[in-house]
Amino acid sequence: GWIINQDGIIVTNNHVVTGAKTVTITL
């Protein structure tokens, strides 16, 4: 993913996160 806003808003693909119970971001 990539950061689109400095306040922690990140863009990615639907198929990366859809249906996931947990999502963890590493900067």
PDB file of all heavy atoms in Angstrom:
ATOM      1  N   GLY A   1       0.841  -1.181   0.000  1.00  0.00           N
ATOM      2  CA  GLY A   1       0.000   0.000   0.000  1.00  0.00           C
ATOM      3  C   GLY A   1       0.879   1.234   0.000  1.00  0.00           C
ATOM      4  O   GLY A   1       2.101   1.143   0.064  1.00  0.00           O
ATOM      5  N   TRP A   2       0.245   2.404  -0.071  1.00  0.00           N
ATOM      6  CA  TRP A   2       1.016   3.651  -0.040  1.00  0.00           C
ATOM      7  C   TRP A   2       0.209   4.737   0.669  1.00  0.00           C
ATOM      8  O   TRP A   2      -1.016   4.751   0.661  1.00  0.00           O
ATOM      9  CB  TRP A   2       1.428   4.090  -1.443  1.00  0.00           C
ATOM     10  CG  TRP A   2       0.318   4.176  -2.436  1.00  0.00           C
ATOM     11  CD1 TRP A   2      -0.231   3.152  -3.152  1.00  0.00           C
ATOM     12  CD2 TRP A   2      -0.403   5.355  -2.817  1.00  0.00           C
ATOM     13  NE1 TRP A   2      -1.239   3.615  -3.960  1.00  0.00           N
ATOM     14  CE2 TRP A   2      -1.353   4.957  -3.788  1.00  0.00           C
ATOM     15  CE3 TRP A   2      -0.317   6.706  -2.466  1.00  0.00           C
ATOM     16  CZ2 TRP A   2      -2.227   5.866  -4.383  1.00  0.00           C
ATOM     17  CZ3 TRP A   2      -1.182   7.610  -3.063  1.00  0.00           C
ATOM     18  CH2 TRP A   2      -2.131   7.182  -4.006  1.00  0.00           C
ATOM     19  N   ILE A   3       0.939   5.617   1.309  1.00  0.00           N
ATOM     20  CA  ILE A   3       0.338   6.651   2.145  1.00  0.00           C
ATOM     21  C   ILE A   3      -0.121   7.812   1.271  1.00  0.00           C
ATOM     22  O   ILE A   3       0.680   8.425   0.559  1.00  0.00           O
ATOM     23  CB  ILE A   3       1.349   7.147   3.199  1.00  0.00           C
ATOM     24  CG1 ILE A   3       1.808   5.983   4.088  1.00  0.00           C
ATOM     25  CG2 ILE A   3       0.754   8.268   4.030  1.00  0.00           C
ATOM     26  CD1 ILE A   3       3.066   6.270   4.877  1.00  0.00           C
ATOM     27  N   ILE A   4      -1.423   8.114   1.339  1.00  0.00           N
ATOM     28  CA  ILE A   4      -1.965   9.220   0.555  1.00  0.00           C
ATOM     29  C   ILE A   4      -2.196  10.454   1.423  1.00  0.00           C
ATOM     30  O   ILE A   4      -2.358  11.558   0.908  1.00  0.00           O
ATOM     31  CB  ILE A   4      -3.280   8.805  -0.151  1.00  0.00           C
ATOM     32  CG1 ILE A   4      -3.668   9.829  -1.220  1.00  0.00           C
ATOM     33  CG2 ILE A   4      -4.410   8.597   0.854  1.00  0.00           C
ATOM     34  CD1 ILE A   4      -4.845   9.411  -2.080  1.00  0.00           C
ATOM     35  N   ASN A   5      -2.176  10.258   2.735  1.00  0.00           N
ATOM     36  CA  ASN A   5      -2.397  11.382   3.660  1.00  0.00           C
ATOM     37  C   ASN A   5      -1.562  11.166   4.908  1.00  0.00           C
ATOM     38  O   ASN A   5      -1.460  10.042   5.414  1.00  0.00           O
ATOM     39  CB  ASN A   5      -3.887  11.481   4.013  1.00  0.00           C
ATOM     40  CG  ASN A   5      -4.169  12.564   5.029  1.00  0.00           C
ATOM     41  OD1 ASN A   5      -4.179  12.285   6.229  1.00  0.00           O
ATOM     42  ND2 ASN A   5      -4.399  13.786   4.579  1.00  0.00           N
ATOM     43  N   GLN A   6      -0.978  12.234   5.421  1.00  0.00           N
ATOM     44  CA  GLN A   6      -0.047  12.125   6.555  1.00  0.00           C
ATOM     45  C   GLN A   6      -0.700  11.624   7.835  1.00  0.00           C
ATOM     46  O   GLN A   6      -0.015  11.158   8.750  1.00  0.00           O
ATOM     47  CB  GLN A   6       0.610  13.478   6.821  1.00  0.00           C
ATOM     48  CG  GLN A   6      -0.361  14.558   7.274  1.00  0.00           C
ATOM     49  CD  GLN A   6       0.349  15.854   7.633  1.00  0.00           C
ATOM     50  OE1 GLN A   6       1.558  15.955   7.527  1.00  0.00           O
ATOM     51  NE2 GLN A   6      -0.425  16.839   8.066  1.00  0.00           N
ATOM     52  N   ASP A   7      -2.031  11.676   7.902  1.00  0.00           N
ATOM     53  CA  ASP A   7      -2.735  11.238   9.109  1.00  0.00           C
ATOM     54  C   ASP A   7      -3.138   9.771   9.046  1.00  0.00           C
ATOM     55  O   ASP A   7      -4.156   9.372   9.610  1.00  0.00           O
ATOM     56  CB  ASP A   7      -3.952  12.121   9.364  1.00  0.00           C
ATOM     57  CG  ASP A   7      -3.565  13.547   9.727  1.00  0.00           C
ATOM     58  OD1 ASP A   7      -2.498  13.723  10.352  1.00  0.00           O
ATOM     59  OD2 ASP A   7      -4.309  14.477   9.381  1.00  0.00           O
ATOM     60  N   GLY A   8      -2.357   8.963   8.379  1.00  0.00           N
ATOM     61  CA  GLY A   8      -2.546   7.513   8.437  1.00  0.00           C
ATOM     62  C   GLY A   8      -3.559   6.939   7.483  1.00  0.00           C
ATOM     63  O   GLY A   8      -4.132   5.879   7.755  1.00  0.00           O
ATOM     64  N   ILE A   9      -3.796   7.582   6.330  1.00  0.00           N
ATOM     65  CA  ILE A   9      -4.713   7.053   5.318  1.00  0.00           C
ATOM     66  C   ILE A   9      -3.884   6.409   4.214  1.00  0.00           C
ATOM     67  O   ILE A   9      -3.019   7.049   3.612  1.00  0.00           O
ATOM     68  CB  ILE A   9      -5.643   8.137   4.763  1.00  0.00           C
ATOM     69  CG1 ILE A   9      -6.491   8.731   5.896  1.00  0.00           C
ATOM     70  CG2 ILE A   9      -6.538   7.571   3.672  1.00  0.00           C
ATOM     71  CD1 ILE A   9      -7.425   9.837   5.455  1.00  0.00           C
ATOM     72  N   ILE A  10      -4.168   5.134   3.946  1.00  0.00           N
ATOM     73  CA  ILE A  10      -3.347   4.310   3.059  1.00  0.00           C
ATOM     74  C   ILE A  10      -4.211   3.719   1.958  1.00  0.00           C
ATOM     75  O   ILE A  10      -5.325   3.249   2.208  1.00  0.00           O
ATOM     76  CB  ILE A  10      -2.662   3.190   3.870  1.00  0.00           C
ATOM     77  CG1 ILE A  10      -1.637   3.811   4.832  1.00  0.00           C
ATOM     78  CG2 ILE A  10      -2.023   2.140   2.975  1.00  0.00           C
ATOM     79  CD1 ILE A  10      -1.214   2.891   5.938  1.00  0.00           C
ATOM     80  N   VAL A  11      -3.693   3.730   0.737  1.00  0.00           N
ATOM     81  CA  VAL A  11      -4.370   3.151  -0.424  1.00  0.00           C
ATOM     82  C   VAL A  11      -3.799   1.765  -0.694  1.00  0.00           C
ATOM     83  O   VAL A  11      -2.584   1.549  -0.613  1.00  0.00           O
ATOM     84  CB  VAL A  11      -4.179   4.040  -1.670  1.00  0.00           C
ATOM     85  CG1 VAL A  11      -4.833   3.404  -2.896  1.00  0.00           C
ATOM     86  CG2 VAL A  11      -4.743   5.436  -1.426  1.00  0.00           C
ATOM     87  N   THR A  12      -4.676   0.820  -1.025  1.00  0.00           N
ATOM     88  CA  THR A  12      -4.243  -0.514  -1.437  1.00  0.00           C
ATOM     89  C   THR A  12      -5.306  -1.097  -2.355  1.00  0.00           C
ATOM     90  O   THR A  12      -6.192  -0.390  -2.837  1.00  0.00           O
ATOM     91  CB  THR A  12      -3.980  -1.413  -0.200  1.00  0.00           C
ATOM     92  OG1 THR A  12      -3.418  -2.657  -0.636  1.00  0.00           O
ATOM     93  CG2 THR A  12      -5.257  -1.682   0.581  1.00  0.00           C
ATOM     94  N   ASN A  13      -5.221  -2.395  -2.617  1.00  0.00           N
ATOM     95  CA  ASN A  13      -6.221  -3.089  -3.426  1.00  0.00           C
ATOM     96  C   ASN A  13      -7.270  -3.748  -2.546  1.00  0.00           C
ATOM     97  O   ASN A  13      -6.972  -4.214  -1.446  1.00  0.00           O
ATOM     98  CB  ASN A  13      -5.586  -4.180  -4.286  1.00  0.00           C
ATOM     99  CG  ASN A  13      -4.848  -3.652  -5.492  1.00  0.00           C
ATOM    100  OD1 ASN A  13      -3.774  -4.123  -5.803  1.00  0.00           O
ATOM    101  ND2 ASN A  13      -5.404  -2.686  -6.192  1.00  0.00           N
ATOM    102  N   ASN A  14      -8.490  -3.840  -3.072  1.00  0.00           N
ATOM    103  CA  ASN A  14      -9.557  -4.556  -2.388  1.00  0.00           C
ATOM    104  C   ASN A  14      -9.160  -5.997  -2.111  1.00  0.00           C
ATOM    105  O   ASN A  14      -9.380  -6.520  -1.015  1.00  0.00           O
ATOM    106  CB  ASN A  14     -10.820  -4.513  -3.250  1.00  0.00           C
ATOM    107  CG  ASN A  14     -11.898  -5.448  -2.753  1.00  0.00           C
ATOM    108  OD1 ASN A  14     -12.540  -5.204  -1.750  1.00  0.00           O
ATOM    109  ND2 ASN A  14     -12.100  -6.562  -3.460  1.00  0.00           N
ATOM    110  N   HIS A  15      -8.541  -6.674  -3.094  1.00  0.00           N
ATOM    111  CA  HIS A  15      -8.263  -8.095  -2.909  1.00  0.00           C
ATOM    112  C   HIS A  15      -7.155  -8.353  -1.888  1.00  0.00           C
ATOM    113  O   HIS A  15      -6.961  -9.499  -1.479  1.00  0.00           O
ATOM    114  CB  HIS A  15      -7.954  -8.768  -4.242  1.00  0.00           C
ATOM    115  CG  HIS A  15      -6.642  -8.421  -4.862  1.00  0.00           C
ATOM    116  ND1 HIS A  15      -6.502  -7.455  -5.827  1.00  0.00           N
ATOM    117  CD2 HIS A  15      -5.402  -8.919  -4.653  1.00  0.00           C
ATOM    118  CE1 HIS A  15      -5.243  -7.384  -6.200  1.00  0.00           C
ATOM    119  NE2 HIS A  15      -4.543  -8.255  -5.501  1.00  0.00           N
ATOM    120  N   VAL A  16      -6.437  -7.324  -1.476  1.00  0.00           N
ATOM    121  CA  VAL A  16      -5.428  -7.491  -0.424  1.00  0.00           C
ATOM    122  C   VAL A  16      -6.086  -7.613   0.953  1.00  0.00           C
ATOM    123  O   VAL A  16      -5.648  -8.410   1.787  1.00  0.00           O
ATOM    124  CB  VAL A  16      -4.437  -6.311  -0.424  1.00  0.00           C
ATOM    125  CG1 VAL A  16      -3.504  -6.363   0.785  1.00  0.00           C
ATOM    126  CG2 VAL A  16      -3.615  -6.305  -1.709  1.00  0.00           C
ATOM    127  N   VAL A  17      -7.153  -6.840   1.191  1.00  0.00           N
ATOM    128  CA  VAL A  17      -7.710  -6.749   2.542  1.00  0.00           C
ATOM    129  C   VAL A  17      -9.121  -7.285   2.689  1.00  0.00           C
ATOM    130  O   VAL A  17      -9.591  -7.489   3.822  1.00  0.00           O
ATOM    131  CB  VAL A  17      -7.688  -5.280   3.035  1.00  0.00           C
ATOM    132  CG1 VAL A  17      -6.267  -4.778   3.157  1.00  0.00           C
ATOM    133  CG2 VAL A  17      -8.498  -4.369   2.096  1.00  0.00           C
ATOM    134  N   THR A  18      -9.834  -7.505   1.591  1.00  0.00           N
ATOM    135  CA  THR A  18     -11.228  -7.904   1.716  1.00  0.00           C
ATOM    136  C   THR A  18     -11.356  -9.249   2.434  1.00  0.00           C
ATOM    137  O   THR A  18     -10.620 -10.193   2.165  1.00  0.00           O
ATOM    138  CB  THR A  18     -11.901  -7.973   0.333  1.00  0.00           C
ATOM    139  OG1 THR A  18     -13.311  -8.166   0.496  1.00  0.00           O
ATOM    140  CG2 THR A  18     -11.359  -9.105  -0.506  1.00  0.00           C
ATOM    141  N   GLY A  19     -12.283  -9.319   3.377  1.00  0.00           N
ATOM    142  CA  GLY A  19     -12.542 -10.535   4.124  1.00  0.00           C
ATOM    143  C   GLY A  19     -11.550 -10.828   5.221  1.00  0.00           C
ATOM    144  O   GLY A  19     -11.707 -11.813   5.956  1.00  0.00           O
ATOM    145  N   ALA A  20     -10.535  -9.980   5.379  1.00  0.00           N
ATOM    146  CA  ALA A  20      -9.514 -10.241   6.404  1.00  0.00           C
ATOM    147  C   ALA A  20     -10.046  -9.918   7.797  1.00  0.00           C
ATOM    148  O   ALA A  20     -10.748  -8.925   7.987  1.00  0.00           O
ATOM    149  CB  ALA A  20      -8.262  -9.413   6.128  1.00  0.00           C
ATOM    150  N   LYS A  21      -9.711 -10.745   8.762  1.00  0.00           N
ATOM    151  CA  LYS A  21     -10.083 -10.482  10.153  1.00  0.00           C
ATOM    152  C   LYS A  21      -9.119  -9.517  10.819  1.00  0.00           C
ATOM    153  O   LYS A  21      -9.505  -8.764  11.713  1.00  0.00           O
ATOM    154  CB  LYS A  21     -10.144 -11.800  10.931  1.00  0.00           C
ATOM    155  CG  LYS A  21     -11.213 -12.761  10.427  1.00  0.00           C
ATOM    156  CD  LYS A  21     -11.204 -14.069  11.216  1.00  0.00           C
ATOM    157  CE  LYS A  21     -12.267 -15.024  10.705  1.00  0.00           C
ATOM    158  NZ  LYS A  21     -12.238 -16.318  11.442  1.00  0.00           N
ATOM    159  N   THR A  22      -7.866  -9.564  10.412  1.00  0.00           N
ATOM    160  CA  THR A  22      -6.868  -8.634  10.936  1.00  0.00           C
ATOM    161  C   THR A  22      -6.068  -8.055   9.782  1.00  0.00           C
ATOM    162  O   THR A  22      -5.759  -8.753   8.809  1.00  0.00           O
ATOM    163  CB  THR A  22      -5.901  -9.326  11.921  1.00  0.00           C
ATOM    164  OG1 THR A  22      -5.203 -10.382  11.229  1.00  0.00           O
ATOM    165  CG2 THR A  22      -6.649  -9.900  13.109  1.00  0.00           C
ATOM    166  N   VAL A  23      -5.737  -6.782   9.879  1.00  0.00           N
ATOM    167  CA  VAL A  23      -4.909  -6.097   8.889  1.00  0.00           C
ATOM    168  C   VAL A  23      -3.850  -5.308   9.649  1.00  0.00           C
ATOM    169  O   VAL A  23      -4.175  -4.469  10.487  1.00  0.00           O
ATOM    170  CB  VAL A  23      -5.736  -5.142   8.012  1.00  0.00           C
ATOM    171  CG1 VAL A  23      -4.834  -4.406   7.020  1.00  0.00           C
ATOM    172  CG2 VAL A  23      -6.839  -5.895   7.271  1.00  0.00           C
ATOM    173  N   THR A  24      -2.583  -5.578   9.348  1.00  0.00           N
ATOM    174  CA  THR A  24      -1.483  -4.912  10.025  1.00  0.00           C
ATOM    175  C   THR A  24      -0.616  -4.196   9.000  1.00  0.00           C
ATOM    176  O   THR A  24      -0.265  -4.769   7.966  1.00  0.00           O
ATOM    177  CB  THR A  24      -0.615  -5.923  10.810  1.00  0.00           C
ATOM    178  OG1 THR A  24      -1.439  -6.614  11.746  1.00  0.00           O
ATOM    179  CG2 THR A  24       0.500  -5.210  11.556  1.00  0.00           C
ATOM    180  N   ILE A  25      -0.289  -2.948   9.296  1.00  0.00           N
ATOM    181  CA  ILE A  25       0.509  -2.116   8.409  1.00  0.00           C
ATOM    182  C   ILE A  25       1.912  -1.958   8.984  1.00  0.00           C
ATOM    183  O   ILE A  25       2.073  -1.608  10.164  1.00  0.00           O
ATOM    184  CB  ILE A  25      -0.128  -0.725   8.240  1.00  0.00           C
ATOM    185  CG1 ILE A  25      -1.577  -0.835   7.757  1.00  0.00           C
ATOM    186  CG2 ILE A  25       0.708   0.139   7.300  1.00  0.00           C
ATOM    187  CD1 ILE A  25      -1.740  -1.483   6.414  1.00  0.00           C
ATOM    188  N   THR A  26       2.924  -2.192   8.163  1.00  0.00           N
ATOM    189  CA  THR A  26       4.308  -1.942   8.559  1.00  0.00           C
ATOM    190  C   THR A  26       4.854  -0.802   7.725  1.00  0.00           C
ATOM    191  O   THR A  26       4.883  -0.873   6.485  1.00  0.00           O
ATOM    192  CB  THR A  26       5.179  -3.196   8.365  1.00  0.00           C
ATOM    193  OG1 THR A  26       4.641  -4.265   9.153  1.00  0.00           O
ATOM    194  CG2 THR A  26       6.610  -2.920   8.800  1.00  0.00           C
ATOM    195  N   LEU A  27       5.288   0.260   8.397  1.00  0.00           N
ATOM    196  CA  LEU A  27       5.827   1.429   7.719  1.00  0.00           C
ATOM    197  C   LEU A  27       7.282   1.194   7.316  1.00  0.00           C
ATOM    198  O   LEU A  27       7.928   0.222   7.728  1.00  0.00           O
ATOM    199  CB  LEU A  27       5.724   2.651   8.623  1.00  0.00           C
ATOM    200  CG  LEU A  27       4.326   3.024   9.137  1.00  0.00           C
ATOM    201  CD1 LEU A  27       4.399   4.299   9.970  1.00  0.00           C
ATOM    202  CD2 LEU A  27       3.339   3.194   7.983  1.00  0.00           C
TER     203      LEU A  27
END
